[in-house]
């Protein structure tokens, strides 16, 4: 990218793909040079055109802690918090990817510093703890279980001296239910339909 890009207000998909490649490779020096030439706010627009995965997905999924910290430092805290919980085409957030690959330090950063949504579910209906445990990333699973009260969703047992965490299909934690209720659609017709069904159930 040349000096003329200092006034650049958007990126081509080819430029975004190059940046995503550098993030995936963990090339911090190149990324620093790139963001000297383009507005930091363009980070919010960078995503793969097919998977809709962002630069934060790439950094988190590959465990590039310094790259992750650098990218998130480019934007204000509110924008960063939205970006770390942004789902891709499959509904996976950067936290899903970090947990799936067992990058505990990244998981801690996303949760502790940027309030990443641990209760978000991807299009397969899996939350972050499920992805960690299903891929045998027990250190991430234990941390999430300790940090967030999701015991209602999981059974915890000891096996050969190790803690075993098993997902209970069909269960919902109180926090997950609370989160879901807060994010329900506020469509008037949907609300009316729910109220009618509730009235019918109470009568029956």
N, C-alpha and C. Protein backbone atom coordinates (compact mmCIF):
# COMPACT_ATOMS: atom_id res chain seq x y z
N UNK A 1 0.84 -1.19 0.00
CA UNK A 1 0.00 0.00 0.00
C UNK A 1 0.88 1.24 0.00
N UNK A 2 0.56 2.23 -0.81
CA UNK A 2 1.38 3.42 -0.96
C UNK A 2 0.85 4.57 -0.12
N UNK A 3 1.58 5.72 -0.21
CA UNK A 3 1.20 6.87 0.60
C UNK A 3 -0.17 7.41 0.24
N UNK A 4 -0.63 7.18 -0.99
CA UNK A 4 -1.93 7.69 -1.41
C UNK A 4 -3.07 7.08 -0.59
N UNK A 5 -2.80 6.00 0.09
CA UNK A 5 -3.83 5.32 0.87
C UNK A 5 -4.09 5.96 2.22
N UNK A 6 -3.35 7.04 2.54
CA UNK A 6 -3.59 7.72 3.81
C UNK A 6 -5.01 8.26 3.89
N UNK A 7 -5.59 8.62 2.74
CA UNK A 7 -6.94 9.16 2.71
C UNK A 7 -7.96 8.10 2.31
N UNK A 8 -7.53 6.87 2.28
CA UNK A 8 -8.41 5.77 1.85
C UNK A 8 -9.56 5.60 2.83
N UNK A 9 -10.76 5.50 2.30
CA UNK A 9 -11.93 5.37 3.15
C UNK A 9 -12.55 3.98 3.10
N UNK A 10 -12.03 3.13 2.22
CA UNK A 10 -12.53 1.76 2.14
C UNK A 10 -11.43 0.86 1.59
N UNK A 11 -11.63 -0.43 1.75
CA UNK A 11 -10.66 -1.42 1.27
C UNK A 11 -11.32 -2.31 0.23
N UNK A 12 -10.55 -2.72 -0.76
CA UNK A 12 -11.05 -3.72 -1.71
C UNK A 12 -11.00 -5.08 -1.03
N UNK A 13 -11.71 -6.05 -1.57
CA UNK A 13 -11.67 -7.38 -0.98
C UNK A 13 -10.27 -7.96 -1.06
N UNK A 14 -9.55 -7.63 -2.13
CA UNK A 14 -8.18 -8.12 -2.27
C UNK A 14 -7.30 -7.58 -1.15
N UNK A 15 -7.46 -6.30 -0.83
CA UNK A 15 -6.69 -5.70 0.26
C UNK A 15 -7.07 -6.33 1.61
N UNK A 16 -8.38 -6.56 1.79
CA UNK A 16 -8.81 -7.20 3.03
C UNK A 16 -8.24 -8.61 3.15
N UNK A 17 -8.22 -9.33 2.05
CA UNK A 17 -7.69 -10.70 2.06
C UNK A 17 -6.21 -10.71 2.43
N UNK A 18 -5.47 -9.70 1.95
CA UNK A 18 -4.05 -9.61 2.28
C UNK A 18 -3.85 -9.36 3.78
N UNK A 19 -4.68 -8.49 4.34
CA UNK A 19 -4.59 -8.20 5.77
C UNK A 19 -4.98 -9.43 6.58
N UNK A 20 -6.04 -10.11 6.16
CA UNK A 20 -6.46 -11.33 6.86
C UNK A 20 -5.36 -12.39 6.83
N UNK A 21 -4.64 -12.46 5.71
CA UNK A 21 -3.53 -13.42 5.60
C UNK A 21 -2.43 -13.06 6.61
N UNK A 22 -2.10 -11.77 6.69
CA UNK A 22 -1.06 -11.34 7.64
C UNK A 22 -1.47 -11.62 9.07
N UNK A 23 -2.76 -11.42 9.36
CA UNK A 23 -3.25 -11.71 10.72
C UNK A 23 -3.16 -13.19 11.01
N UNK A 24 -3.59 -14.00 10.06
CA UNK A 24 -3.55 -15.45 10.24
C UNK A 24 -2.13 -15.96 10.45
N UNK A 25 -1.18 -15.32 9.76
CA UNK A 25 0.23 -15.70 9.89
C UNK A 25 0.89 -15.10 11.13
N UNK A 26 0.19 -14.17 11.77
CA UNK A 26 0.77 -13.54 12.96
C UNK A 26 1.86 -12.54 12.65
N UNK A 27 1.79 -11.91 11.48
CA UNK A 27 2.82 -10.98 11.03
C UNK A 27 2.54 -9.58 11.60
N UNK A 28 2.92 -9.38 12.84
CA UNK A 28 2.62 -8.14 13.55
C UNK A 28 3.32 -6.93 12.92
N UNK A 29 4.56 -7.08 12.50
CA UNK A 29 5.30 -5.95 11.94
C UNK A 29 4.63 -5.43 10.67
N UNK A 30 4.21 -6.33 9.80
CA UNK A 30 3.53 -5.91 8.57
C UNK A 30 2.21 -5.23 8.87
N UNK A 31 1.49 -5.76 9.84
CA UNK A 31 0.20 -5.18 10.21
C UNK A 31 0.37 -3.77 10.76
N UNK A 32 1.42 -3.56 11.54
CA UNK A 32 1.68 -2.22 12.07
C UNK A 32 1.97 -1.24 10.94
N UNK A 33 2.71 -1.68 9.93
CA UNK A 33 3.00 -0.82 8.79
C UNK A 33 1.73 -0.51 8.01
N UNK A 34 0.89 -1.51 7.83
CA UNK A 34 -0.37 -1.31 7.08
C UNK A 34 -1.24 -0.27 7.77
N UNK A 35 -1.38 -0.39 9.09
CA UNK A 35 -2.27 0.51 9.80
C UNK A 35 -1.66 1.88 10.07
N UNK A 36 -0.41 2.09 9.62
CA UNK A 36 0.14 3.43 9.59
C UNK A 36 -0.37 4.16 8.35
N UNK A 37 -0.81 3.39 7.36
CA UNK A 37 -1.20 3.95 6.08
C UNK A 37 -2.71 4.03 5.88
N UNK A 38 -3.48 3.33 6.70
CA UNK A 38 -4.94 3.36 6.54
C UNK A 38 -5.59 3.73 7.88
N UNK A 39 -6.79 4.28 7.84
CA UNK A 39 -7.48 4.62 9.09
C UNK A 39 -7.73 3.38 9.93
N UNK A 40 -7.52 3.50 11.23
CA UNK A 40 -7.74 2.37 12.14
C UNK A 40 -9.17 1.84 12.06
N UNK A 41 -10.11 2.73 11.78
CA UNK A 41 -11.52 2.35 11.76
C UNK A 41 -11.84 1.32 10.68
N UNK A 42 -10.97 1.20 9.67
CA UNK A 42 -11.21 0.23 8.61
C UNK A 42 -11.10 -1.21 9.11
N UNK A 43 -10.53 -1.39 10.29
CA UNK A 43 -10.48 -2.73 10.88
C UNK A 43 -11.89 -3.31 11.01
N UNK A 44 -12.86 -2.45 11.27
CA UNK A 44 -14.24 -2.90 11.46
C UNK A 44 -14.85 -3.47 10.19
N UNK A 45 -14.29 -3.12 9.04
CA UNK A 45 -14.84 -3.57 7.76
C UNK A 45 -14.18 -4.83 7.23
N UNK A 46 -13.05 -5.20 7.80
CA UNK A 46 -12.26 -6.31 7.25
C UNK A 46 -12.89 -7.66 7.59
N UNK A 47 -13.25 -8.41 6.55
CA UNK A 47 -13.79 -9.75 6.74
C UNK A 47 -13.67 -10.54 5.45
N UNK A 48 -13.65 -11.83 5.56
CA UNK A 48 -13.64 -12.71 4.41
C UNK A 48 -15.00 -12.62 3.73
N UNK A 49 -15.01 -12.51 2.42
CA UNK A 49 -16.28 -12.30 1.73
C UNK A 49 -17.15 -13.55 1.67
N UNK A 50 -16.58 -14.72 1.97
CA UNK A 50 -17.36 -15.96 1.94
C UNK A 50 -17.77 -16.40 3.34
N UNK A 51 -16.79 -16.48 4.24
CA UNK A 51 -17.07 -16.96 5.59
C UNK A 51 -17.51 -15.85 6.54
N UNK A 52 -17.29 -14.58 6.14
CA UNK A 52 -17.59 -13.42 6.98
C UNK A 52 -16.75 -13.38 8.26
N UNK A 53 -15.66 -14.14 8.28
CA UNK A 53 -14.76 -14.13 9.42
C UNK A 53 -13.92 -12.86 9.41
N UNK A 54 -13.76 -12.26 10.58
CA UNK A 54 -13.04 -11.00 10.70
C UNK A 54 -11.56 -11.22 11.03
N UNK A 55 -10.84 -10.11 11.08
CA UNK A 55 -9.43 -10.19 11.48
C UNK A 55 -9.31 -10.69 12.92
N UNK A 56 -10.30 -10.38 13.75
CA UNK A 56 -10.27 -10.85 15.13
C UNK A 56 -10.48 -12.36 15.19
N UNK A 57 -11.32 -12.89 14.32
CA UNK A 57 -11.47 -14.35 14.21
C UNK A 57 -10.11 -14.99 13.92
N UNK A 58 -9.39 -14.41 12.95
CA UNK A 58 -8.11 -14.98 12.53
C UNK A 58 -7.07 -14.94 13.64
N UNK A 59 -7.01 -13.82 14.34
CA UNK A 59 -6.04 -13.69 15.42
C UNK A 59 -6.39 -14.62 16.58
N UNK A 60 -7.67 -14.66 16.95
CA UNK A 60 -8.11 -15.49 18.07
C UNK A 60 -7.98 -16.97 17.76
N UNK A 61 -8.40 -17.36 16.57
CA UNK A 61 -8.38 -18.77 16.20
C UNK A 61 -6.99 -19.35 16.10
N UNK A 62 -6.02 -18.48 15.81
CA UNK A 62 -4.64 -18.95 15.68
C UNK A 62 -3.78 -18.65 16.90
N UNK A 63 -4.40 -18.07 17.93
CA UNK A 63 -3.68 -17.84 19.17
C UNK A 63 -2.62 -16.77 19.11
N UNK A 64 -2.78 -15.80 18.21
CA UNK A 64 -1.79 -14.72 18.08
C UNK A 64 -2.14 -13.60 19.06
N UNK A 65 -1.66 -13.73 20.28
CA UNK A 65 -2.02 -12.81 21.36
C UNK A 65 -1.60 -11.37 21.06
N UNK A 66 -0.36 -11.16 20.64
CA UNK A 66 0.12 -9.80 20.40
C UNK A 66 -0.60 -9.15 19.23
N UNK A 67 -0.89 -9.93 18.21
CA UNK A 67 -1.65 -9.41 17.06
C UNK A 67 -3.05 -9.03 17.50
N UNK A 68 -3.66 -9.88 18.31
CA UNK A 68 -5.01 -9.61 18.82
C UNK A 68 -5.03 -8.31 19.61
N UNK A 69 -4.07 -8.16 20.52
CA UNK A 69 -4.02 -6.95 21.35
C UNK A 69 -3.79 -5.71 20.48
N UNK A 70 -2.92 -5.83 19.50
CA UNK A 70 -2.65 -4.70 18.62
C UNK A 70 -3.91 -4.29 17.86
N UNK A 71 -4.58 -5.23 17.26
CA UNK A 71 -5.77 -4.92 16.46
C UNK A 71 -6.86 -4.28 17.31
N UNK A 72 -7.09 -4.83 18.48
CA UNK A 72 -8.15 -4.29 19.33
C UNK A 72 -7.79 -2.92 19.91
N UNK A 73 -6.49 -2.63 19.96
CA UNK A 73 -6.06 -1.32 20.47
C UNK A 73 -6.29 -0.21 19.44
N UNK A 74 -6.57 -0.60 18.21
CA UNK A 74 -6.76 0.38 17.14
C UNK A 74 -8.10 1.09 17.22
N UNK A 75 -9.06 0.50 17.89
CA UNK A 75 -10.42 1.03 17.93
C UNK A 75 -10.87 1.27 19.36
N UNK A 76 -11.94 2.02 19.53
CA UNK A 76 -12.41 2.31 20.87
C UNK A 76 -12.99 1.06 21.52
N UNK A 77 -13.11 1.09 22.84
CA UNK A 77 -13.51 -0.09 23.62
C UNK A 77 -14.88 -0.62 23.20
N UNK A 78 -15.82 0.28 22.96
CA UNK A 78 -17.17 -0.14 22.58
C UNK A 78 -17.16 -0.89 21.26
N UNK A 79 -16.44 -0.37 20.29
CA UNK A 79 -16.34 -1.03 18.98
C UNK A 79 -15.62 -2.37 19.09
N UNK A 80 -14.59 -2.40 19.93
CA UNK A 80 -13.84 -3.64 20.13
C UNK A 80 -14.72 -4.72 20.75
N UNK A 81 -15.55 -4.34 21.72
CA UNK A 81 -16.43 -5.30 22.37
C UNK A 81 -17.44 -5.88 21.38
N UNK A 82 -17.93 -5.07 20.48
CA UNK A 82 -18.86 -5.56 19.46
C UNK A 82 -18.15 -6.50 18.50
N UNK A 83 -16.92 -6.14 18.15
CA UNK A 83 -16.17 -6.94 17.18
C UNK A 83 -15.81 -8.31 17.72
N UNK A 84 -15.46 -8.41 19.00
CA UNK A 84 -15.05 -9.71 19.54
C UNK A 84 -16.23 -10.68 19.68
N UNK A 85 -17.46 -10.16 19.63
CA UNK A 85 -18.63 -11.04 19.71
C UNK A 85 -19.36 -11.13 18.38
N UNK A 86 -18.73 -10.66 17.33
CA UNK A 86 -19.35 -10.68 16.00
C UNK A 86 -19.30 -12.08 15.39
N UNK A 87 -20.44 -12.65 15.01
CA UNK A 87 -20.43 -14.00 14.43
C UNK A 87 -20.05 -13.99 12.95
N UNK A 88 -19.48 -15.09 12.50
CA UNK A 88 -19.23 -15.23 11.07
C UNK A 88 -20.42 -15.94 10.42
N UNK A 89 -20.26 -16.41 9.21
CA UNK A 89 -21.38 -17.01 8.47
C UNK A 89 -21.93 -18.24 9.18
N UNK A 90 -21.09 -18.96 9.92
CA UNK A 90 -21.52 -20.15 10.65
C UNK A 90 -22.01 -19.85 12.05
N UNK A 91 -22.01 -18.57 12.40
CA UNK A 91 -22.45 -18.18 13.74
C UNK A 91 -21.37 -18.25 14.79
N UNK A 92 -20.15 -18.58 14.36
CA UNK A 92 -19.04 -18.66 15.31
C UNK A 92 -18.44 -17.28 15.56
N UNK A 93 -18.22 -16.96 16.83
CA UNK A 93 -17.55 -15.72 17.20
C UNK A 93 -16.05 -16.00 17.34
N UNK A 94 -15.22 -14.96 17.44
CA UNK A 94 -13.80 -15.19 17.71
C UNK A 94 -13.58 -16.04 18.95
N UNK A 95 -14.46 -15.89 19.94
CA UNK A 95 -14.33 -16.69 21.16
C UNK A 95 -14.58 -18.16 20.89
N UNK A 96 -15.53 -18.48 20.02
CA UNK A 96 -15.76 -19.87 19.63
C UNK A 96 -14.47 -20.47 19.06
N UNK A 97 -13.83 -19.71 18.16
CA UNK A 97 -12.61 -20.21 17.51
C UNK A 97 -11.48 -20.38 18.51
N UNK A 98 -11.32 -19.42 19.40
CA UNK A 98 -10.25 -19.50 20.39
C UNK A 98 -10.46 -20.69 21.32
N UNK A 99 -11.70 -20.90 21.75
CA UNK A 99 -12.01 -22.02 22.64
C UNK A 99 -11.82 -23.35 21.93
N UNK A 100 -12.29 -23.44 20.70
CA UNK A 100 -12.18 -24.68 19.92
C UNK A 100 -10.72 -25.10 19.75
N UNK A 101 -9.85 -24.11 19.57
CA UNK A 101 -8.43 -24.41 19.36
C UNK A 101 -7.60 -24.40 20.63
N UNK A 102 -8.26 -24.16 21.76
CA UNK A 102 -7.57 -24.27 23.04
C UNK A 102 -6.64 -23.13 23.39
N UNK A 103 -6.91 -21.94 22.88
CA UNK A 103 -6.04 -20.79 23.17
C UNK A 103 -6.55 -20.08 24.42
N UNK A 104 -6.14 -20.56 25.56
CA UNK A 104 -6.66 -20.08 26.84
C UNK A 104 -6.37 -18.60 27.07
N UNK A 105 -5.16 -18.15 26.77
CA UNK A 105 -4.83 -16.74 27.01
C UNK A 105 -5.73 -15.82 26.18
N UNK A 106 -5.99 -16.23 24.94
CA UNK A 106 -6.88 -15.45 24.08
C UNK A 106 -8.29 -15.44 24.67
N UNK A 107 -8.75 -16.58 25.11
CA UNK A 107 -10.08 -16.69 25.72
C UNK A 107 -10.19 -15.73 26.91
N UNK A 108 -9.16 -15.71 27.74
CA UNK A 108 -9.18 -14.83 28.91
C UNK A 108 -9.22 -13.35 28.51
N UNK A 109 -8.45 -12.99 27.50
CA UNK A 109 -8.43 -11.60 27.04
C UNK A 109 -9.80 -11.20 26.52
N UNK A 110 -10.38 -12.04 25.68
CA UNK A 110 -11.68 -11.72 25.08
C UNK A 110 -12.77 -11.60 26.14
N UNK A 111 -12.73 -12.47 27.13
CA UNK A 111 -13.76 -12.46 28.17
C UNK A 111 -13.52 -11.38 29.22
N UNK A 112 -12.31 -11.33 29.75
CA UNK A 112 -12.01 -10.43 30.87
C UNK A 112 -11.88 -8.97 30.45
N UNK A 113 -11.32 -8.74 29.26
CA UNK A 113 -11.04 -7.36 28.85
C UNK A 113 -12.05 -6.79 27.86
N UNK A 114 -12.75 -7.69 27.14
CA UNK A 114 -13.67 -7.19 26.10
C UNK A 114 -15.07 -7.78 26.20
N UNK A 115 -15.38 -8.40 27.33
CA UNK A 115 -16.74 -8.88 27.60
C UNK A 115 -17.33 -9.73 26.47
N UNK A 116 -16.51 -10.62 25.91
CA UNK A 116 -17.01 -11.50 24.85
C UNK A 116 -18.17 -12.35 25.38
N UNK A 117 -19.12 -12.60 24.53
CA UNK A 117 -20.34 -13.31 24.91
C UNK A 117 -20.09 -14.82 24.98
N UNK A 118 -19.98 -15.35 26.19
CA UNK A 118 -19.71 -16.78 26.36
C UNK A 118 -20.95 -17.64 26.14
N UNK A 119 -22.13 -17.00 26.10
CA UNK A 119 -23.37 -17.76 25.94
C UNK A 119 -23.86 -17.80 24.50
N UNK A 120 -23.18 -17.08 23.61
CA UNK A 120 -23.59 -17.07 22.21
C UNK A 120 -23.49 -18.47 21.62
N UNK A 121 -24.46 -18.83 20.80
CA UNK A 121 -24.45 -20.14 20.15
C UNK A 121 -24.29 -19.97 18.65
N UNK A 122 -23.52 -20.88 18.06
CA UNK A 122 -23.36 -20.85 16.61
C UNK A 122 -24.56 -21.51 15.94
N UNK A 123 -24.52 -21.64 14.63
CA UNK A 123 -25.67 -22.18 13.91
C UNK A 123 -25.90 -23.67 14.18
N UNK A 124 -24.92 -24.32 14.81
CA UNK A 124 -25.09 -25.72 15.22
C UNK A 124 -25.69 -25.80 16.62
N UNK A 125 -25.92 -24.64 17.23
CA UNK A 125 -26.48 -24.61 18.58
C UNK A 125 -25.46 -24.83 19.67
N UNK A 126 -24.19 -24.65 19.35
CA UNK A 126 -23.12 -24.90 20.33
C UNK A 126 -22.60 -23.60 20.93
N UNK A 127 -22.46 -23.58 22.25
CA UNK A 127 -21.85 -22.43 22.90
C UNK A 127 -20.34 -22.65 22.98
N UNK A 128 -19.67 -21.69 23.57
CA UNK A 128 -18.20 -21.71 23.62
C UNK A 128 -17.66 -22.88 24.44
N UNK A 129 -18.28 -23.14 25.59
CA UNK A 129 -17.82 -24.23 26.44
C UNK A 129 -17.98 -25.58 25.75
N UNK A 130 -19.08 -25.74 25.02
CA UNK A 130 -19.28 -26.98 24.27
C UNK A 130 -18.14 -27.18 23.27
N UNK A 131 -17.80 -26.12 22.53
CA UNK A 131 -16.74 -26.24 21.52
C UNK A 131 -15.41 -26.62 22.15
N UNK A 132 -15.11 -26.03 23.32
CA UNK A 132 -13.85 -26.36 24.00
C UNK A 132 -13.83 -27.81 24.44
N UNK A 133 -14.90 -28.25 25.11
CA UNK A 133 -14.94 -29.61 25.63
C UNK A 133 -15.04 -30.65 24.52
N UNK A 134 -15.79 -30.34 23.48
CA UNK A 134 -15.96 -31.29 22.38
C UNK A 134 -14.65 -31.51 21.64
N UNK A 135 -13.75 -30.53 21.72
CA UNK A 135 -12.46 -30.66 21.06
C UNK A 135 -11.35 -30.96 22.05
N UNK A 136 -11.76 -31.39 23.28
CA UNK A 136 -10.83 -31.84 24.32
C UNK A 136 -9.86 -30.75 24.76
N UNK A 137 -10.34 -29.52 24.80
CA UNK A 137 -9.53 -28.42 25.33
C UNK A 137 -9.97 -28.17 26.77
N UNK A 138 -9.59 -29.11 27.64
CA UNK A 138 -10.10 -29.12 29.01
C UNK A 138 -9.66 -27.91 29.83
N UNK A 139 -8.47 -27.36 29.53
CA UNK A 139 -8.01 -26.20 30.30
C UNK A 139 -8.92 -25.00 30.05
N UNK A 140 -9.33 -24.83 28.79
CA UNK A 140 -10.26 -23.76 28.46
C UNK A 140 -11.62 -24.05 29.08
N UNK A 141 -12.06 -25.30 28.98
CA UNK A 141 -13.34 -25.69 29.56
C UNK A 141 -13.41 -25.44 31.05
N UNK A 142 -12.35 -25.81 31.76
CA UNK A 142 -12.33 -25.62 33.22
C UNK A 142 -12.35 -24.15 33.59
N UNK A 143 -11.61 -23.34 32.82
CA UNK A 143 -11.59 -21.91 33.11
C UNK A 143 -12.96 -21.29 32.90
N UNK A 144 -13.60 -21.65 31.80
CA UNK A 144 -14.93 -21.11 31.51
C UNK A 144 -15.94 -21.55 32.55
N UNK A 145 -15.83 -22.80 32.96
CA UNK A 145 -16.77 -23.34 33.95
C UNK A 145 -16.60 -22.66 35.30
N UNK A 146 -15.36 -22.34 35.65
CA UNK A 146 -15.07 -21.68 36.91
C UNK A 146 -15.46 -20.20 36.86
N UNK A 147 -15.17 -19.57 35.75
CA UNK A 147 -15.40 -18.14 35.59
C UNK A 147 -16.89 -17.80 35.46
N UNK A 148 -17.61 -18.64 34.72
CA UNK A 148 -19.01 -18.38 34.45
C UNK A 148 -19.86 -19.53 34.96
N UNK A 149 -20.94 -19.21 35.64
CA UNK A 149 -21.79 -20.24 36.24
C UNK A 149 -22.68 -20.88 35.18
N UNK A 150 -22.18 -21.92 34.56
CA UNK A 150 -22.96 -22.61 33.53
C UNK A 150 -23.16 -24.08 33.91
N UNK A 151 -23.14 -24.35 35.21
CA UNK A 151 -23.23 -25.74 35.67
C UNK A 151 -24.52 -26.41 35.23
N UNK A 152 -25.59 -25.61 35.04
CA UNK A 152 -26.86 -26.20 34.65
C UNK A 152 -26.79 -26.85 33.28
N UNK A 153 -25.84 -26.42 32.46
CA UNK A 153 -25.69 -26.97 31.12
C UNK A 153 -24.76 -28.18 31.08
N UNK A 154 -24.00 -28.40 32.15
CA UNK A 154 -22.94 -29.40 32.12
C UNK A 154 -22.90 -30.24 33.39
N UNK A 155 -22.47 -31.45 33.22
CA UNK A 155 -22.23 -32.34 34.35
C UNK A 155 -20.73 -32.40 34.59
N UNK A 156 -20.32 -32.20 35.84
CA UNK A 156 -18.90 -32.22 36.17
C UNK A 156 -18.61 -33.43 37.05
N UNK A 157 -17.62 -34.21 36.66
CA UNK A 157 -17.28 -35.41 37.42
C UNK A 157 -15.76 -35.61 37.42
N UNK A 158 -15.30 -36.45 38.33
CA UNK A 158 -13.88 -36.78 38.40
C UNK A 158 -13.65 -38.16 37.78
N UNK A 159 -12.66 -38.26 36.92
CA UNK A 159 -12.34 -39.53 36.27
C UNK A 159 -10.84 -39.71 36.22
N UNK A 160 -10.34 -40.68 36.96
CA UNK A 160 -8.90 -40.94 37.03
C UNK A 160 -8.11 -39.70 37.46
N UNK A 161 -8.70 -38.96 38.41
CA UNK A 161 -8.03 -37.78 38.93
C UNK A 161 -8.19 -36.53 38.10
N UNK A 162 -8.87 -36.65 36.94
CA UNK A 162 -9.08 -35.50 36.07
C UNK A 162 -10.54 -35.06 36.12
N UNK A 163 -10.75 -33.78 35.98
CA UNK A 163 -12.11 -33.25 35.93
C UNK A 163 -12.68 -33.48 34.55
N UNK A 164 -13.86 -34.09 34.50
CA UNK A 164 -14.53 -34.34 33.23
C UNK A 164 -15.78 -33.49 33.16
N UNK A 165 -15.94 -32.76 32.07
CA UNK A 165 -17.10 -31.89 31.87
C UNK A 165 -17.90 -32.42 30.70
N UNK A 166 -19.17 -32.75 30.94
CA UNK A 166 -20.01 -33.33 29.90
C UNK A 166 -21.22 -32.44 29.65
N UNK A 167 -21.45 -32.11 28.38
CA UNK A 167 -22.58 -31.27 28.02
C UNK A 167 -23.89 -32.04 28.16
N UNK A 168 -24.91 -31.39 28.69
CA UNK A 168 -26.22 -32.01 28.84
C UNK A 168 -27.14 -31.43 27.77
N UNK A 169 -27.39 -32.16 26.70
CA UNK A 169 -28.23 -31.65 25.61
C UNK A 169 -29.62 -31.24 26.11
N UNK A 170 -30.09 -30.14 25.59
CA UNK A 170 -31.44 -29.70 25.92
C UNK A 170 -31.52 -28.82 27.15
N UNK A 171 -30.42 -28.68 27.87
CA UNK A 171 -30.46 -27.86 29.09
C UNK A 171 -30.05 -26.44 28.77
N UNK A 172 -30.49 -25.51 29.61
CA UNK A 172 -30.14 -24.10 29.44
C UNK A 172 -29.77 -23.54 30.81
N UNK A 173 -28.67 -22.82 30.87
CA UNK A 173 -28.29 -22.20 32.13
C UNK A 173 -29.18 -20.99 32.38
N UNK A 174 -29.28 -20.59 33.62
CA UNK A 174 -30.09 -19.43 33.95
C UNK A 174 -29.56 -18.20 33.23
N UNK A 175 -28.24 -18.07 33.16
CA UNK A 175 -27.67 -16.91 32.49
C UNK A 175 -27.95 -16.94 31.00
N UNK A 176 -27.88 -18.12 30.42
CA UNK A 176 -28.16 -18.24 28.99
C UNK A 176 -29.61 -17.88 28.70
N UNK A 177 -30.51 -18.32 29.58
CA UNK A 177 -31.92 -18.00 29.40
C UNK A 177 -32.12 -16.49 29.51
N UNK A 178 -31.46 -15.88 30.48
CA UNK A 178 -31.57 -14.44 30.67
C UNK A 178 -31.07 -13.71 29.43
N UNK A 179 -29.94 -14.16 28.92
CA UNK A 179 -29.38 -13.52 27.73
C UNK A 179 -30.33 -13.66 26.55
N UNK A 180 -30.88 -14.86 26.37
CA UNK A 180 -31.79 -15.10 25.25
C UNK A 180 -33.02 -14.21 25.34
N UNK A 181 -33.56 -14.06 26.54
CA UNK A 181 -34.74 -13.23 26.73
C UNK A 181 -34.45 -11.78 26.40
N UNK A 182 -33.25 -11.32 26.78
CA UNK A 182 -32.89 -9.93 26.52
C UNK A 182 -32.72 -9.64 25.04
N UNK A 183 -32.47 -10.70 24.26
CA UNK A 183 -32.22 -10.51 22.84
C UNK A 183 -33.33 -11.08 21.96
N UNK A 184 -34.48 -11.32 22.53
CA UNK A 184 -35.61 -11.79 21.73
C UNK A 184 -36.05 -10.69 20.79
N UNK A 185 -36.62 -11.09 19.67
CA UNK A 185 -37.17 -10.11 18.74
C UNK A 185 -38.31 -9.37 19.41
N UNK A 186 -38.39 -8.08 19.14
CA UNK A 186 -39.42 -7.27 19.75
C UNK A 186 -40.54 -6.97 18.76
N UNK A 187 -40.72 -7.90 17.86
CA UNK A 187 -41.77 -7.75 16.87
C UNK A 187 -43.14 -7.86 17.55
N UNK A 188 -44.00 -6.92 17.28
CA UNK A 188 -45.29 -6.87 17.98
C UNK A 188 -46.14 -8.10 17.72
N UNK A 189 -46.15 -8.57 16.47
CA UNK A 189 -46.97 -9.73 16.14
C UNK A 189 -46.47 -10.98 16.84
N UNK A 190 -45.14 -11.08 16.96
CA UNK A 190 -44.56 -12.24 17.64
C UNK A 190 -44.94 -12.21 19.12
N UNK A 191 -44.91 -11.01 19.70
CA UNK A 191 -45.26 -10.88 21.11
C UNK A 191 -46.72 -11.25 21.34
N UNK A 192 -47.58 -10.79 20.43
CA UNK A 192 -49.01 -11.11 20.55
C UNK A 192 -49.23 -12.61 20.47
N UNK A 193 -48.49 -13.26 19.56
CA UNK A 193 -48.64 -14.70 19.38
C UNK A 193 -48.24 -15.45 20.64
N UNK A 194 -47.14 -15.00 21.26
CA UNK A 194 -46.65 -15.64 22.49
C UNK A 194 -47.67 -15.47 23.61
N UNK A 195 -48.24 -14.26 23.71
CA UNK A 195 -49.22 -13.99 24.76
C UNK A 195 -50.46 -14.86 24.59
N UNK A 196 -50.90 -15.03 23.35
CA UNK A 196 -52.08 -15.86 23.09
C UNK A 196 -51.83 -17.31 23.47
N UNK A 197 -50.65 -17.80 23.13
CA UNK A 197 -50.30 -19.19 23.45
C UNK A 197 -50.24 -19.38 24.96
N UNK A 198 -49.68 -18.37 25.66
CA UNK A 198 -49.58 -18.44 27.12
C UNK A 198 -50.98 -18.48 27.76
N UNK A 199 -51.89 -17.63 27.24
CA UNK A 199 -53.26 -17.60 27.75
C UNK A 199 -53.95 -18.94 27.52
N UNK A 200 -53.74 -19.52 26.37
CA UNK A 200 -54.36 -20.81 26.06
C UNK A 200 -53.86 -21.90 26.99
N UNK A 201 -52.53 -21.90 27.25
CA UNK A 201 -51.95 -22.89 28.13
C UNK A 201 -52.51 -22.75 29.54
N UNK A 202 -52.69 -21.51 29.99
CA UNK A 202 -53.19 -21.31 31.35
C UNK A 202 -54.64 -21.75 31.47
N UNK A 203 -55.38 -21.60 30.39
CA UNK A 203 -56.78 -22.03 30.41
C UNK A 203 -56.87 -23.54 30.41
N UNK A 204 -56.05 -24.17 29.54
CA UNK A 204 -56.05 -25.63 29.44
C UNK A 204 -55.55 -26.25 30.73
